[in-house]
Amino acid sequence: MSISISVITQNRPSSLVRLLSSMASAYYVGDKIPLSFHMDRKVDIKTLRIANNFDWPHGNKLLHTTIIEGGLI
């Protein structure tokens, strides 16, 4: 069994920092867990920087921003 984590975020940097802090302190049993961030094209620069600078040693990290505004689809 494998898991991955998808974070859907938009213009809420303080909430994102809280979430990432919790994720960083969790125990993942040594498993590789890919992490992806999904943001709308109108994401604020602070939220984008937080996601980009977050160190994720447990697997691959992907940042995805949509080109077409679509909400949380």
N, C-alpha and C. Protein backbone atom coordinates (compact mmCIF):
# COMPACT_ATOMS: atom_id res chain seq x y z
N MET A 1 0.84 -1.16 0.00
CA MET A 1 0.00 0.00 0.00
C MET A 1 0.90 1.24 0.00
N SER A 2 0.51 2.24 -0.76
CA SER A 2 1.26 3.50 -0.76
C SER A 2 0.29 4.66 -0.64
N ILE A 3 0.81 5.75 -0.09
CA ILE A 3 -0.02 6.94 0.05
C ILE A 3 0.71 8.12 -0.56
N SER A 4 -0.05 9.15 -0.87
CA SER A 4 0.52 10.42 -1.29
C SER A 4 -0.29 11.51 -0.60
N ILE A 5 0.30 12.70 -0.54
CA ILE A 5 -0.38 13.83 0.10
C ILE A 5 -0.56 14.92 -0.94
N SER A 6 -1.80 15.41 -1.07
CA SER A 6 -2.12 16.53 -1.95
C SER A 6 -2.62 17.68 -1.09
N VAL A 7 -1.99 18.83 -1.26
CA VAL A 7 -2.37 20.02 -0.51
C VAL A 7 -2.99 21.00 -1.51
N ILE A 8 -4.23 21.35 -1.28
CA ILE A 8 -4.92 22.34 -2.12
C ILE A 8 -4.95 23.63 -1.30
N THR A 9 -4.29 24.66 -1.82
CA THR A 9 -4.16 25.89 -1.05
C THR A 9 -4.31 27.11 -1.94
N GLN A 10 -4.71 28.21 -1.32
CA GLN A 10 -4.91 29.45 -2.08
C GLN A 10 -4.96 30.62 -1.10
N ASN A 11 -3.96 31.46 -1.12
CA ASN A 11 -3.97 32.73 -0.40
C ASN A 11 -4.25 32.61 1.10
N ARG A 12 -3.75 31.55 1.72
CA ARG A 12 -3.90 31.38 3.18
C ARG A 12 -2.56 30.93 3.75
N PRO A 13 -1.56 31.80 3.71
CA PRO A 13 -0.22 31.39 4.11
C PRO A 13 -0.10 30.93 5.55
N SER A 14 -0.81 31.57 6.48
CA SER A 14 -0.68 31.15 7.88
C SER A 14 -1.27 29.75 8.10
N SER A 15 -2.36 29.45 7.43
CA SER A 15 -2.95 28.10 7.53
C SER A 15 -2.02 27.07 6.90
N LEU A 16 -1.39 27.44 5.80
CA LEU A 16 -0.46 26.52 5.14
C LEU A 16 0.75 26.24 6.04
N VAL A 17 1.26 27.26 6.69
CA VAL A 17 2.40 27.07 7.61
C VAL A 17 2.02 26.12 8.74
N ARG A 18 0.83 26.26 9.30
CA ARG A 18 0.36 25.36 10.36
C ARG A 18 0.28 23.92 9.86
N LEU A 19 -0.29 23.74 8.67
CA LEU A 19 -0.40 22.39 8.10
C LEU A 19 0.97 21.78 7.87
N LEU A 20 1.87 22.54 7.26
CA LEU A 20 3.20 22.02 6.95
C LEU A 20 3.99 21.71 8.21
N SER A 21 3.79 22.49 9.25
CA SER A 21 4.44 22.22 10.53
C SER A 21 3.98 20.87 11.09
N SER A 22 2.69 20.61 11.01
CA SER A 22 2.16 19.32 11.47
C SER A 22 2.69 18.17 10.61
N MET A 23 2.73 18.38 9.32
CA MET A 23 3.23 17.34 8.42
C MET A 23 4.71 17.05 8.69
N ALA A 24 5.49 18.09 8.96
CA ALA A 24 6.92 17.92 9.20
C ALA A 24 7.20 17.16 10.48
N SER A 25 6.31 17.28 11.47
CA SER A 25 6.55 16.61 12.74
C SER A 25 5.94 15.20 12.80
N ALA A 26 5.24 14.79 11.76
CA ALA A 26 4.62 13.45 11.74
C ALA A 26 5.68 12.38 11.48
N TYR A 27 5.37 11.16 11.87
CA TYR A 27 6.26 10.02 11.66
C TYR A 27 5.73 9.20 10.50
N TYR A 28 6.56 8.97 9.49
CA TYR A 28 6.12 8.31 8.26
C TYR A 28 6.70 6.91 8.08
N VAL A 29 7.24 6.32 9.11
CA VAL A 29 7.72 4.94 9.13
C VAL A 29 8.76 4.68 8.03
N GLY A 30 9.43 5.72 7.56
CA GLY A 30 10.46 5.54 6.54
C GLY A 30 9.92 5.38 5.13
N ASP A 31 8.60 5.43 4.96
CA ASP A 31 8.01 5.29 3.63
C ASP A 31 8.27 6.53 2.79
N LYS A 32 8.34 6.34 1.48
CA LYS A 32 8.41 7.45 0.54
C LYS A 32 6.99 7.93 0.26
N ILE A 33 6.74 9.20 0.48
CA ILE A 33 5.39 9.75 0.33
C ILE A 33 5.48 10.99 -0.55
N PRO A 34 5.01 10.90 -1.78
CA PRO A 34 5.02 12.09 -2.64
C PRO A 34 4.05 13.15 -2.12
N LEU A 35 4.47 14.41 -2.28
CA LEU A 35 3.68 15.55 -1.82
C LEU A 35 3.44 16.47 -3.00
N SER A 36 2.18 16.85 -3.21
CA SER A 36 1.88 17.78 -4.29
C SER A 36 1.04 18.94 -3.75
N PHE A 37 1.38 20.13 -4.23
CA PHE A 37 0.65 21.34 -3.90
C PHE A 37 -0.13 21.75 -5.14
N HIS A 38 -1.41 22.07 -4.97
CA HIS A 38 -2.26 22.52 -6.07
C HIS A 38 -2.79 23.90 -5.73
N MET A 39 -2.51 24.86 -6.63
CA MET A 39 -2.90 26.24 -6.40
C MET A 39 -3.48 26.84 -7.67
N ASP A 40 -4.39 27.77 -7.50
CA ASP A 40 -4.98 28.50 -8.61
C ASP A 40 -3.95 29.50 -9.14
N ARG A 41 -4.12 29.95 -10.35
CA ARG A 41 -3.16 30.88 -10.96
C ARG A 41 -3.07 32.21 -10.23
N LYS A 42 -4.06 32.53 -9.41
CA LYS A 42 -4.06 33.79 -8.66
C LYS A 42 -3.49 33.63 -7.25
N VAL A 43 -2.71 32.59 -7.04
CA VAL A 43 -2.12 32.36 -5.72
C VAL A 43 -1.22 33.54 -5.35
N ASP A 44 -1.24 33.93 -4.06
CA ASP A 44 -0.39 35.04 -3.63
C ASP A 44 1.05 34.55 -3.51
N ILE A 45 1.97 35.48 -3.65
CA ILE A 45 3.39 35.14 -3.68
C ILE A 45 3.87 34.54 -2.35
N LYS A 46 3.31 34.96 -1.24
CA LYS A 46 3.72 34.41 0.06
C LYS A 46 3.38 32.92 0.17
N THR A 47 2.17 32.55 -0.23
CA THR A 47 1.77 31.14 -0.21
C THR A 47 2.65 30.32 -1.16
N LEU A 48 2.91 30.85 -2.32
CA LEU A 48 3.75 30.17 -3.31
C LEU A 48 5.16 29.96 -2.77
N ARG A 49 5.72 30.96 -2.13
CA ARG A 49 7.07 30.83 -1.56
C ARG A 49 7.12 29.80 -0.44
N ILE A 50 6.11 29.79 0.41
CA ILE A 50 6.06 28.82 1.51
C ILE A 50 6.07 27.40 0.94
N ALA A 51 5.22 27.16 -0.04
CA ALA A 51 5.16 25.82 -0.66
C ALA A 51 6.48 25.48 -1.35
N ASN A 52 7.02 26.42 -2.07
CA ASN A 52 8.26 26.18 -2.81
C ASN A 52 9.44 25.91 -1.88
N ASN A 53 9.52 26.61 -0.76
CA ASN A 53 10.66 26.48 0.16
C ASN A 53 10.51 25.37 1.18
N PHE A 54 9.35 24.73 1.24
CA PHE A 54 9.13 23.67 2.21
C PHE A 54 10.00 22.46 1.87
N ASP A 55 10.81 22.04 2.81
CA ASP A 55 11.67 20.87 2.63
C ASP A 55 10.87 19.60 2.93
N TRP A 56 10.79 18.72 1.95
CA TRP A 56 10.04 17.47 2.11
C TRP A 56 10.98 16.29 1.85
N PRO A 57 11.61 15.76 2.89
CA PRO A 57 12.59 14.68 2.72
C PRO A 57 11.97 13.29 2.53
N HIS A 58 10.65 13.21 2.53
CA HIS A 58 9.98 11.90 2.50
C HIS A 58 9.58 11.44 1.10
N GLY A 59 9.95 12.19 0.08
CA GLY A 59 9.59 11.81 -1.30
C GLY A 59 9.63 13.02 -2.20
N ASN A 60 9.12 12.84 -3.40
CA ASN A 60 9.09 13.93 -4.37
C ASN A 60 8.09 14.99 -3.96
N LYS A 61 8.40 16.22 -4.36
CA LYS A 61 7.50 17.35 -4.10
C LYS A 61 7.19 18.01 -5.44
N LEU A 62 5.90 18.27 -5.68
CA LEU A 62 5.45 18.89 -6.93
C LEU A 62 4.60 20.10 -6.61
N LEU A 63 4.86 21.21 -7.30
CA LEU A 63 4.02 22.40 -7.20
C LEU A 63 3.27 22.54 -8.52
N HIS A 64 1.97 22.63 -8.42
CA HIS A 64 1.14 22.74 -9.63
C HIS A 64 0.24 23.95 -9.50
N THR A 65 0.36 24.86 -10.44
CA THR A 65 -0.57 26.00 -10.49
C THR A 65 -1.35 25.90 -11.78
N THR A 66 -2.65 26.14 -11.69
CA THR A 66 -3.50 26.05 -12.87
C THR A 66 -3.35 27.31 -13.71
N ILE A 67 -3.47 27.18 -15.00
CA ILE A 67 -3.41 28.31 -15.92
C ILE A 67 -4.79 28.94 -16.05
N ILE A 68 -5.79 28.10 -16.06
CA ILE A 68 -7.18 28.56 -16.18
C ILE A 68 -7.81 28.52 -14.79
N GLU A 69 -8.44 29.62 -14.39
CA GLU A 69 -9.07 29.67 -13.08
C GLU A 69 -10.22 28.67 -13.05
N GLY A 70 -10.17 27.74 -12.07
CA GLY A 70 -11.18 26.72 -12.02
C GLY A 70 -11.70 26.44 -10.63
N GLY A 71 -11.23 27.18 -9.63
CA GLY A 71 -11.66 26.90 -8.28
C GLY A 71 -11.02 25.62 -7.78
N LEU A 72 -11.64 24.99 -6.85
CA LEU A 72 -11.10 23.77 -6.24
C LEU A 72 -11.63 22.51 -6.92
N ILE A 73 -11.43 22.44 -8.21
CA ILE A 73 -11.89 21.26 -8.97
C ILE A 73 -10.82 20.20 -8.94
